[in-house]
Protein backbone atom coordinates (compact mmCIF):
# COMPACT_ATOMS: atom_id res chain seq x y z
CA MET A 1 -135.14 141.45 25.15
CA ALA A 2 -136.93 139.60 27.51
CA ILE A 3 -136.81 140.48 31.18
CA ARG A 4 -134.76 137.67 33.47
CA VAL A 5 -136.61 136.65 36.49
CA PHE A 6 -135.34 134.59 39.23
CA LEU A 7 -138.13 133.08 41.59
CA ALA A 8 -137.86 131.83 45.18
CA ASP A 9 -140.33 129.91 46.81
CA ASP A 10 -140.56 126.60 48.71
CA ASN A 11 -143.69 125.34 47.08
CA ALA A 12 -142.34 124.09 43.86
CA LEU A 13 -146.02 123.46 42.44
CA PHE A 14 -146.61 127.18 42.79
CA ARG A 15 -143.46 128.37 41.81
CA ASP A 16 -143.45 126.10 38.49
CA GLY A 17 -147.21 127.73 37.95
CA VAL A 18 -145.49 131.11 37.96
CA ALA A 19 -142.59 130.42 35.88
CA GLN A 20 -144.91 129.10 33.38
CA LEU A 21 -147.34 132.23 33.54
CA LEU A 22 -144.73 134.47 33.15
CA GLN A 23 -142.76 132.70 30.37
CA SER A 24 -145.90 132.51 28.56
CA ASP A 25 -146.37 136.07 28.83
CA GLY A 26 -143.44 136.58 26.39
CA ARG A 27 -141.87 139.32 28.06
CA PHE A 28 -140.25 137.38 30.76
CA GLU A 29 -137.58 134.41 30.95
CA VAL A 30 -137.06 132.63 33.95
CA VAL A 31 -133.63 132.09 34.58
CA GLY A 32 -133.50 130.39 37.63
CA GLN A 33 -135.59 129.41 40.82
CA ALA A 34 -134.61 128.51 44.52
CA SER A 35 -136.78 126.77 47.33
CA THR A 36 -134.81 128.28 50.01
CA GLY A 37 -133.49 131.69 51.37
CA GLU A 38 -129.99 130.21 51.29
CA GLU A 39 -130.34 128.94 47.84
CA ALA A 40 -131.55 132.35 46.42
CA VAL A 41 -128.75 134.28 48.28
CA ALA A 42 -126.14 131.86 46.54
CA ALA A 43 -128.00 131.48 43.06
CA VAL A 44 -128.58 135.65 42.79
CA SER A 45 -125.04 136.42 41.89
CA GLN A 46 -124.54 133.71 39.29
CA HIS A 47 -128.03 134.24 37.40
CA ARG A 48 -127.69 138.13 37.74
CA PRO A 49 -131.68 138.42 36.79
CA ASP A 50 -133.45 141.85 36.21
CA LEU A 51 -135.94 140.90 38.76
CA ILE A 52 -136.27 138.49 41.79
CA LEU A 53 -139.58 137.55 42.97
CA MET A 54 -139.18 136.12 46.78
CA ASP A 55 -141.57 134.39 49.06
CA LEU A 56 -141.20 135.47 52.81
CA ARG A 57 -141.92 131.75 54.43
CA MET A 58 -139.36 129.53 53.47
CA PRO A 59 -137.68 127.09 55.52
CA GLY A 60 -134.24 127.94 56.92
CA MET A 61 -132.94 131.50 56.43
CA SER A 62 -136.46 133.97 55.93
CA GLY A 63 -137.23 135.59 52.75
CA VAL A 64 -136.54 138.80 54.89
CA GLU A 65 -132.93 137.94 55.90
CA ALA A 66 -132.40 136.70 52.17
CA ILE A 67 -133.58 140.12 50.66
CA ARG A 68 -131.16 141.98 53.03
CA ARG A 69 -128.22 139.45 52.09
CA ILE A 70 -128.94 139.73 48.21
CA ARG A 71 -129.45 143.68 48.60
CA ALA A 72 -125.98 143.86 50.19
CA GLN A 73 -124.37 141.90 47.12
CA ASP A 74 -126.49 144.09 44.63
CA PRO A 75 -128.07 147.27 45.70
CA LYS A 76 -129.90 147.87 42.30
CA VAL A 77 -131.81 144.72 41.54
CA PRO A 78 -135.79 145.02 41.90
CA ILE A 79 -136.89 142.49 44.27
CA GLY A 80 -140.54 141.93 44.59
CA VAL A 81 -142.24 139.88 47.59
CA LEU A 82 -144.47 137.40 46.34
CA SER A 83 -146.35 136.27 49.42
CA ILE A 84 -150.10 135.73 50.81
CA PHE A 85 -151.99 136.89 53.61
CA GLU A 86 -148.77 138.49 55.26
CA THR A 87 -149.36 141.17 57.98
CA PRO A 88 -148.30 145.11 57.34
CA GLU A 89 -145.55 144.54 59.55
CA HIS A 90 -144.11 141.66 57.67
CA VAL A 91 -144.64 143.49 54.54
CA GLN A 92 -142.94 146.42 55.98
CA LEU A 93 -139.99 144.40 57.20
CA ALA A 94 -139.30 143.08 53.92
CA LEU A 95 -139.54 146.77 52.30
CA ASP A 96 -136.92 147.87 55.03
CA ALA A 97 -134.76 144.95 54.22
CA GLY A 98 -134.75 145.95 50.48
CA ALA A 99 -137.59 144.72 48.75
CA ASN A 100 -139.17 147.12 46.23
CA GLY A 101 -142.67 145.83 46.33
CA TYR A 102 -145.14 143.34 47.60
CA VAL A 103 -147.26 141.25 45.30
CA ALA A 104 -150.07 139.02 46.94
CA LYS A 105 -150.32 135.42 45.72
CA ASP A 106 -154.13 136.22 44.95
CA ALA A 107 -153.20 138.75 42.38
CA THR A 108 -154.56 138.06 38.94
CA PRO A 109 -152.31 136.98 36.29
CA ALA A 110 -152.33 140.61 34.65
CA ASP A 111 -151.61 142.31 37.93
CA LEU A 112 -148.65 140.16 38.51
CA SER A 113 -147.07 140.73 35.12
CA ASP A 114 -147.91 144.30 35.22
CA ALA A 115 -146.24 144.91 38.79
CA ALA A 116 -143.14 142.85 37.51
CA ILE A 117 -142.78 145.27 34.59
CA ALA A 118 -143.42 148.18 37.19
CA LEU A 119 -140.75 146.92 39.39
CA VAL A 120 -138.33 146.50 36.73
CA HIS A 121 -138.88 150.03 35.89
CA GLY A 122 -137.97 151.23 39.31
CA LYS A 123 -141.75 151.86 40.54
CA ARG A 124 -142.85 150.61 44.11
CA GLN A 125 -145.73 148.41 43.78
CA LEU A 126 -147.96 147.15 46.41
CA VAL A 127 -150.87 144.63 45.35
CA VAL A 128 -152.43 143.61 48.23
CA PRO A 129 -154.46 140.46 48.95
CA SER A 130 -158.35 140.71 48.32
CA TYR A 131 -158.64 139.34 52.02
CA THR A 132 -156.50 139.73 54.88
CA ASP A 133 -156.77 139.08 58.65
CA ALA A 134 -158.22 142.45 59.29
CA ASP A 135 -161.43 141.52 57.46
CA GLU A 136 -162.63 139.33 60.25
CA ALA A 137 -166.18 139.33 58.63
CA ALA A 138 -164.98 137.74 55.32
CA PRO A 139 -165.13 133.83 55.11
CA PRO A 140 -161.67 132.14 53.95
CA LYS A 141 -161.15 132.91 50.59
CA SER A 142 -160.87 129.02 49.87
CA SER A 143 -164.53 128.46 50.52
CA LYS A 144 -165.79 131.51 47.99
CA VAL A 145 -163.40 130.36 45.15
CA LEU A 146 -163.62 126.57 45.42
CA SER A 147 -167.46 126.85 46.48
CA ARG A 148 -168.09 127.65 42.51
CA LEU A 149 -166.97 124.27 41.43
CA THR A 150 -168.77 120.92 41.55
CA PRO A 151 -167.29 117.98 43.23
CA ARG A 152 -166.23 116.72 39.49
CA GLU A 153 -164.59 120.14 38.59
CA LEU A 154 -162.55 120.03 41.93
CA ASP A 155 -161.26 116.61 40.79
CA VAL A 156 -160.43 117.82 37.34
CA LEU A 157 -158.80 121.03 38.90
CA ARG A 158 -156.59 118.71 41.13
CA ALA A 159 -155.80 116.44 38.01
CA LEU A 160 -154.48 119.62 35.94
CA CYS A 161 -151.95 119.92 38.71
CA THR A 162 -150.34 116.70 37.71
CA ARG A 163 -147.98 116.43 34.64
CA ALA A 164 -150.55 114.01 33.07
CA SER A 165 -152.06 114.54 29.34
CA ASN A 166 -155.63 115.32 29.05
CA GLU A 167 -155.91 111.79 27.74
CA VAL A 168 -154.64 110.02 30.84
CA ILE A 169 -156.71 112.49 33.10
CA ALA A 170 -159.62 111.58 31.20
CA ARG A 171 -159.29 107.64 31.70
CA ASN A 172 -158.29 108.24 35.28
CA LEU A 173 -161.16 109.87 36.12
CA GLY A 174 -163.64 107.44 33.79
CA ILE A 175 -164.85 110.11 31.39
CA SER A 176 -164.38 110.66 27.72
CA PRO A 177 -161.88 113.34 26.41
CA LYS A 178 -164.75 115.38 25.15
CA THR A 179 -166.57 115.62 28.55
CA LEU A 180 -163.05 116.34 30.32
CA ARG A 181 -162.67 119.37 27.93
CA ASN A 182 -166.13 120.57 28.78
CA HIS A 183 -165.16 120.15 32.65
CA ILE A 184 -161.95 122.00 32.03
CA SER A 185 -163.89 124.79 30.00
CA ASN A 186 -166.28 125.48 33.01
CA VAL A 187 -163.47 125.17 35.58
CA TYR A 188 -161.82 128.16 33.58
CA HIS A 189 -165.02 130.11 33.27
CA LYS A 190 -166.02 129.91 36.77
CA LEU A 191 -162.47 130.67 38.30
CA ASP A 192 -161.71 133.49 35.57
CA ILE A 193 -158.57 131.66 34.17
CA HIS A 194 -157.31 130.74 30.92
CA ASP A 195 -154.68 127.99 31.30
CA ARG A 196 -153.16 125.25 32.92
CA ALA A 197 -150.63 127.24 34.73
CA GLN A 198 -153.04 129.55 35.94
CA ALA A 199 -155.18 126.56 37.44
CA VAL A 200 -151.97 125.32 39.35
CA ILE A 201 -151.62 128.69 41.03
CA VAL A 202 -155.36 128.81 41.98
CA ALA A 203 -155.16 125.00 43.16
CA VAL A 204 -151.82 125.50 45.39
CA ARG A 205 -153.09 129.30 46.83
CA GLU A 206 -156.30 127.48 48.12
CA ASP A 207 -154.57 124.47 49.63
CA LEU A 208 -156.61 122.26 47.27
CA VAL A 209 -153.15 120.31 46.33
CA GLY A 210 -149.89 119.77 48.19
CA VAL A 211 -146.32 120.58 47.21
CA ASP A 212 -145.89 117.07 45.75
CA ALA A 213 -148.89 116.76 43.75
CA ARG A 214 -147.21 116.41 40.59
CA ASN A 215 -145.59 113.33 41.67
């Protein structure tokens, strides 16, 4: 039986990418989504998920307060924080509020899936970011990731974050479908990803596209 997951994140583009990634894994079913802490608190009791993945920074009620209120409703449901560039103090606040673990948004798809499975089985998981504020000597992660791509490949990555088909993307970019496929293959190889859902996650994580990019 698939693990029932509830997602709470104010970034609809990122949230949908995570949902696609989890459901393509085959071991998960995303049963509900929320864009605010208030929505998450109200919806969780209705959906009765096996796992909640929650961002900490949402408009209105914070993720920490939402975790606290959900935990008051259900002392046992595993809750994982799914966020990025949080300070140790913020992570600790979430754990103190009742979260069972923290998974950075720059985790690989495999790490995310493995962490989700571990959380469901009662294990505490802390998958930390590869770059934090404490690493002052390191350049911003986005420059490391996006500098691997050519300007045309960046255009392709942005386009993959829309609902457009490959045929439409190729026409909009003024290239042939075969050329587009070659660009997509290069993007996937350079970013070490394997599908469109992972491309969306990388693009949102690196602030390459906004939350309304699919419109």
